[in-house]
Protein backbone atom coordinates (compact mmCIF):
# COMPACT_ATOMS: atom_id res chain seq x y z
CA MET A 1 0.00 0.00 0.00
CA ALA A 2 1.13 3.54 -0.70
CA ASN A 3 -0.08 6.99 0.27
CA PHE A 4 -1.70 9.07 -2.43
CA ILE A 5 -3.04 12.58 -2.49
CA VAL A 6 -5.95 13.11 -4.87
CA THR A 7 -7.31 16.54 -5.69
CA TYR A 8 -9.84 17.64 -8.27
CA ASP A 9 -11.87 20.53 -9.64
CA LEU A 10 -15.38 19.72 -10.80
CA ASN A 11 -16.33 22.16 -13.54
CA GLY A 12 -19.40 20.50 -15.04
CA PRO A 13 -22.76 19.28 -13.80
CA ASN A 14 -21.60 15.69 -13.24
CA PRO A 15 -20.24 14.19 -11.16
CA SER A 16 -21.45 16.07 -8.11
CA HIS A 17 -19.15 16.49 -5.12
CA LYS A 18 -21.19 13.81 -3.34
CA GLN A 19 -20.68 11.38 -6.25
CA MET A 20 -16.96 12.11 -6.28
CA ASP A 21 -16.74 11.61 -2.51
CA GLU A 22 -18.43 8.22 -2.89
CA ALA A 23 -16.08 7.21 -5.72
CA VAL A 24 -13.00 8.13 -3.69
CA SER A 25 -14.26 6.29 -0.61
CA ARG A 26 -14.90 3.09 -2.59
CA VAL A 27 -11.39 2.84 -4.01
CA ALA A 28 -9.39 2.41 -0.77
CA ALA A 29 -9.94 0.85 2.65
CA LYS A 30 -8.21 3.76 4.38
CA TYR A 31 -8.86 7.29 3.19
CA GLY A 32 -9.79 10.72 4.42
CA ARG A 33 -10.69 14.16 3.21
CA VAL A 34 -7.65 16.32 3.92
CA LEU A 35 -9.03 19.61 2.57
CA GLU A 36 -12.25 20.47 0.75
CA THR A 37 -11.42 18.69 -2.54
CA VAL A 38 -8.18 17.00 -1.45
CA TRP A 39 -8.16 13.38 -0.29
CA TRP A 40 -5.55 11.05 1.17
CA LEU A 41 -5.84 7.37 0.20
CA ASP A 42 -3.91 4.30 1.29
CA TYR A 43 -4.08 2.57 -2.09
CA SER A 44 -2.53 -0.68 -3.34
CA GLY A 45 -2.14 0.32 -6.98
CA THR A 46 -0.25 2.97 -8.92
CA SER A 47 -0.93 6.65 -9.43
CA VAL A 48 -1.84 5.90 -13.06
CA GLY A 49 -4.29 3.18 -12.01
CA LEU A 50 -5.88 5.43 -9.41
CA ARG A 51 -6.11 8.29 -11.91
CA ASP A 52 -7.70 6.06 -14.53
CA HIS A 53 -10.24 4.72 -12.03
CA LEU A 54 -11.32 8.18 -10.86
CA GLN A 55 -11.12 9.73 -14.33
CA SER A 56 -13.75 7.27 -15.53
CA ILE A 57 -16.47 9.19 -13.64
CA LEU A 58 -15.23 12.71 -14.47
CA GLY A 59 -16.47 14.93 -17.25
CA ALA A 60 -14.17 16.26 -19.97
CA GLU A 61 -14.10 19.68 -18.27
CA ASP A 62 -13.07 18.35 -14.84
CA LEU A 63 -9.50 18.39 -13.51
CA LEU A 64 -7.73 15.65 -11.52
CA LEU A 65 -4.31 15.29 -9.91
CA VAL A 66 -3.01 12.10 -8.25
CA ILE A 67 0.29 12.19 -6.35
CA GLU A 68 2.07 9.33 -4.60
CA CYS A 69 3.79 10.67 -1.49
CA LYS A 70 6.25 9.36 1.04
CA SER A 71 6.19 12.21 3.56
CA ALA A 72 3.99 15.13 4.54
CA ALA A 73 3.82 18.05 6.94
CA TRP A 74 0.65 19.83 8.02
CA THR A 75 -1.04 22.02 10.57
CA LYS A 76 -4.74 21.16 10.73
CA LEU A 77 -6.63 18.74 8.50
CA LEU A 78 -10.17 17.50 8.07
CA VAL A 79 -8.96 13.89 8.36
CA ASP A 80 -8.02 12.57 11.79
CA SER A 81 -4.41 13.69 12.22
CA GLN A 82 -3.31 10.52 14.01
CA THR A 83 -4.62 8.27 11.22
CA PHE A 84 -2.87 10.43 8.66
CA LYS A 85 0.37 10.50 10.70
CA ASP A 86 0.30 6.72 11.17
CA ALA A 87 -0.05 6.19 7.41
CA PHE A 88 3.05 8.24 6.68
CA ASN A 89 5.04 6.69 9.53
CA LYS A 90 4.25 3.26 8.03
CA ALA A 91 5.59 4.42 4.65
CA ALA A 92 8.86 5.73 6.09
């Protein structure tokens, strides 16, 4: 498993933010919303695989960025900080 940051801009009518939230939550066992449209996922595949999976529900006008990360620093997050910290300590 690896840590990924996923962020997106929804510029069309579909998917809705709720639909995107559901899609993100179905793809990984451990995940959390970090900021409004930024998610952390503990995902077993690659960044390309994760991108392709999420891109399949996006419209042509929507934007998506998937980043695999090994370390992070933060102040306050929407996700439980201890869960997030544990995920990155595991990756170190």
